[in-house]
């Protein structure tokens, strides 16, 4: 992959998930609610998708039930931190290719 592609993809990972910051602020302003309640109130399609995945097997049911119990702000903030970290790593990799 060319260096400019790494840099552009890195910026996408950093700024593409900015809506997660807005979701996290929204989840705090509403009140500290669980991820399942947030999905059921605001993202019905997401809730239906997760319920379909839960019905596939016991492991997915346990995993999704665990995530449902977590606060929504934790889910949104952790996903934002992970995607931003990947974006920063891609920026560094792309810029180091320029130097070589």
C-alpha atoms as a PDB file:
ATOM      1  CA  UNK A   1       0.000   0.000   0.000  1.00  0.00           C
ATOM      2  CA  UNK A   2       1.336   3.443  -0.851  1.00  0.00           C
ATOM      3  CA  UNK A   3       2.193   5.897   1.899  1.00  0.00           C
ATOM      4  CA  UNK A   4      -0.589   8.348   1.013  1.00  0.00           C
ATOM      5  CA  UNK A   5      -3.145   5.530   1.303  1.00  0.00           C
ATOM      6  CA  UNK A   6      -1.924   4.704   4.831  1.00  0.00           C
ATOM      7  CA  UNK A   7      -2.182   8.367   5.814  1.00  0.00           C
ATOM      8  CA  UNK A   8      -5.656   8.814   4.285  1.00  0.00           C
ATOM      9  CA  UNK A   9      -6.951   5.617   5.885  1.00  0.00           C
ATOM     10  CA  UNK A  10      -5.449   6.726   9.196  1.00  0.00           C
ATOM     11  CA  UNK A  11      -7.336  10.027   9.025  1.00  0.00           C
ATOM     12  CA  UNK A  12     -10.512   8.102   8.203  1.00  0.00           C
ATOM     13  CA  UNK A  13     -10.100   5.935  11.311  1.00  0.00           C
ATOM     14  CA  UNK A  14      -9.480   9.018  13.443  1.00  0.00           C
ATOM     15  CA  UNK A  15     -12.301  11.238  12.165  1.00  0.00           C
ATOM     16  CA  UNK A  16     -14.719   8.642  10.751  1.00  0.00           C
ATOM     17  CA  UNK A  17     -15.948   7.589  14.184  1.00  0.00           C
ATOM     18  CA  UNK A  18     -16.443  11.061  15.599  1.00  0.00           C
ATOM     19  CA  UNK A  19     -20.151  10.285  15.830  1.00  0.00           C
ATOM     20  CA  UNK A  20     -19.254   7.888  18.664  1.00  0.00           C
ATOM     21  CA  UNK A  21     -18.216  10.885  20.740  1.00  0.00           C
ATOM     22  CA  UNK A  22     -21.640  12.382  20.111  1.00  0.00           C
ATOM     23  CA  UNK A  23     -23.321   9.086  21.059  1.00  0.00           C
ATOM     24  CA  UNK A  24     -21.267   8.953  24.269  1.00  0.00           C
ATOM     25  CA  UNK A  25     -22.231  12.509  25.216  1.00  0.00           C
ATOM     26  CA  UNK A  26     -25.851  11.710  24.412  1.00  0.00           C
ATOM     27  CA  UNK A  27     -25.726   8.576  26.597  1.00  0.00           C
ATOM     28  CA  UNK A  28     -24.359  10.608  29.523  1.00  0.00           C
ATOM     29  CA  UNK A  29     -26.869  13.429  29.128  1.00  0.00           C
ATOM     30  CA  UNK A  30     -29.793  11.002  29.061  1.00  0.00           C
ATOM     31  CA  UNK A  31     -28.563   9.263  32.222  1.00  0.00           C
ATOM     32  CA  UNK A  32     -26.104   6.443  32.672  1.00  0.00           C
ATOM     33  CA  UNK A  33     -27.996   3.694  30.848  1.00  0.00           C
ATOM     34  CA  UNK A  34     -26.994   0.236  29.714  1.00  0.00           C
ATOM     35  CA  UNK A  35     -26.035  -0.503  26.147  1.00  0.00           C
ATOM     36  CA  UNK A  36     -29.130  -2.699  25.658  1.00  0.00           C
ATOM     37  CA  UNK A  37     -31.473   0.065  26.803  1.00  0.00           C
ATOM     38  CA  UNK A  38     -29.687   2.579  24.570  1.00  0.00           C
ATOM     39  CA  UNK A  39     -30.087   0.271  21.560  1.00  0.00           C
ATOM     40  CA  UNK A  40     -33.732  -0.393  22.314  1.00  0.00           C
ATOM     41  CA  UNK A  41     -34.500   3.326  22.655  1.00  0.00           C
ATOM     42  CA  UNK A  42     -32.462   4.772  19.804  1.00  0.00           C
ATOM     43  CA  UNK A  43     -31.202   2.105  17.417  1.00  0.00           C
ATOM     44  CA  UNK A  44     -33.908  -0.510  16.889  1.00  0.00           C
ATOM     45  CA  UNK A  45     -32.089  -2.015  13.896  1.00  0.00           C
ATOM     46  CA  UNK A  46     -28.983  -2.587  16.031  1.00  0.00           C
ATOM     47  CA  UNK A  47     -31.025  -4.287  18.736  1.00  0.00           C
ATOM     48  CA  UNK A  48     -32.627  -6.616  16.188  1.00  0.00           C
ATOM     49  CA  UNK A  49     -29.204  -7.498  14.767  1.00  0.00           C
ATOM     50  CA  UNK A  50     -27.747  -8.296  18.188  1.00  0.00           C
ATOM     51  CA  UNK A  51     -30.794 -10.367  19.122  1.00  0.00           C
ATOM     52  CA  UNK A  52     -30.378 -12.352  15.914  1.00  0.00           C
ATOM     53  CA  UNK A  53     -26.702 -12.964  16.748  1.00  0.00           C
ATOM     54  CA  UNK A  54     -27.665 -14.040  20.278  1.00  0.00           C
ATOM     55  CA  UNK A  55     -29.914 -16.742  18.887  1.00  0.00           C
ATOM     56  CA  UNK A  56     -27.060 -18.392  16.947  1.00  0.00           C
ATOM     57  CA  UNK A  57     -25.308 -20.155  19.824  1.00  0.00           C
ATOM     58  CA  UNK A  58     -24.668 -20.075  23.560  1.00  0.00           C
ATOM     59  CA  UNK A  59     -21.272 -18.361  23.374  1.00  0.00           C
ATOM     60  CA  UNK A  60     -22.622 -15.403  21.395  1.00  0.00           C
ATOM     61  CA  UNK A  61     -25.603 -15.234  23.737  1.00  0.00           C
ATOM     62  CA  UNK A  62     -23.276 -14.997  26.757  1.00  0.00           C
ATOM     63  CA  UNK A  63     -20.988 -12.480  25.070  1.00  0.00           C
ATOM     64  CA  UNK A  64     -23.777 -10.165  23.926  1.00  0.00           C
ATOM     65  CA  UNK A  65     -25.554 -10.438  27.283  1.00  0.00           C
ATOM     66  CA  UNK A  66     -22.302  -9.288  28.926  1.00  0.00           C
ATOM     67  CA  UNK A  67     -22.041  -6.297  26.561  1.00  0.00           C
ATOM     68  CA  UNK A  68     -25.708  -5.433  27.112  1.00  0.00           C
ATOM     69  CA  UNK A  69     -25.016  -4.964  30.817  1.00  0.00           C
ATOM     70  CA  UNK A  70     -22.194  -2.473  30.287  1.00  0.00           C
ATOM     71  CA  UNK A  71     -22.859   1.269  30.359  1.00  0.00           C
ATOM     72  CA  UNK A  72     -23.394   2.714  26.889  1.00  0.00           C
ATOM     73  CA  UNK A  73     -20.737   5.387  27.403  1.00  0.00           C
ATOM     74  CA  UNK A  74     -18.139   2.675  28.017  1.00  0.00           C
ATOM     75  CA  UNK A  75     -18.986   0.940  24.726  1.00  0.00           C
ATOM     76  CA  UNK A  76     -18.885   4.151  22.679  1.00  0.00           C
ATOM     77  CA  UNK A  77     -15.756   5.556  24.333  1.00  0.00           C
ATOM     78  CA  UNK A  78     -13.785   2.299  24.086  1.00  0.00           C
ATOM     79  CA  UNK A  79     -14.661   1.832  20.425  1.00  0.00           C
ATOM     80  CA  UNK A  80     -13.620   5.427  19.712  1.00  0.00           C
ATOM     81  CA  UNK A  81     -10.293   4.951  21.526  1.00  0.00           C
ATOM     82  CA  UNK A  82      -9.541   1.734  19.613  1.00  0.00           C
ATOM     83  CA  UNK A  83     -10.349   3.196  16.192  1.00  0.00           C
ATOM     84  CA  UNK A  84      -8.412   6.397  16.939  1.00  0.00           C
ATOM     85  CA  UNK A  85      -5.402   4.344  18.066  1.00  0.00           C
ATOM     86  CA  UNK A  86      -5.496   2.363  14.817  1.00  0.00           C
ATOM     87  CA  UNK A  87      -5.698   5.644  12.883  1.00  0.00           C
ATOM     88  CA  UNK A  88      -2.708   7.117  14.700  1.00  0.00           C
ATOM     89  CA  UNK A  89      -0.730   3.945  14.059  1.00  0.00           C
ATOM     90  CA  UNK A  90      -1.583   4.161  10.334  1.00  0.00           C
ATOM     91  CA  UNK A  91      -0.531   7.819  10.201  1.00  0.00           C
ATOM     92  CA  UNK A  92       2.824   6.973  11.766  1.00  0.00           C
ATOM     93  CA  UNK A  93       3.308   4.038   9.404  1.00  0.00           C
ATOM     94  CA  UNK A  94       2.383   6.134   6.361  1.00  0.00           C
ATOM     95  CA  UNK A  95       4.681   8.980   7.320  1.00  0.00           C
ATOM     96  CA  UNK A  96       7.560   6.620   8.062  1.00  0.00           C
ATOM     97  CA  UNK A  97       7.207   5.223   4.522  1.00  0.00           C
ATOM     98  CA  UNK A  98       7.716   8.777   3.222  1.00  0.00           C
ATOM     99  CA  UNK A  99      11.025   8.995   5.076  1.00  0.00           C
ATOM    100  CA  UNK A 100      12.424   5.760   3.644  1.00  0.00           C
END
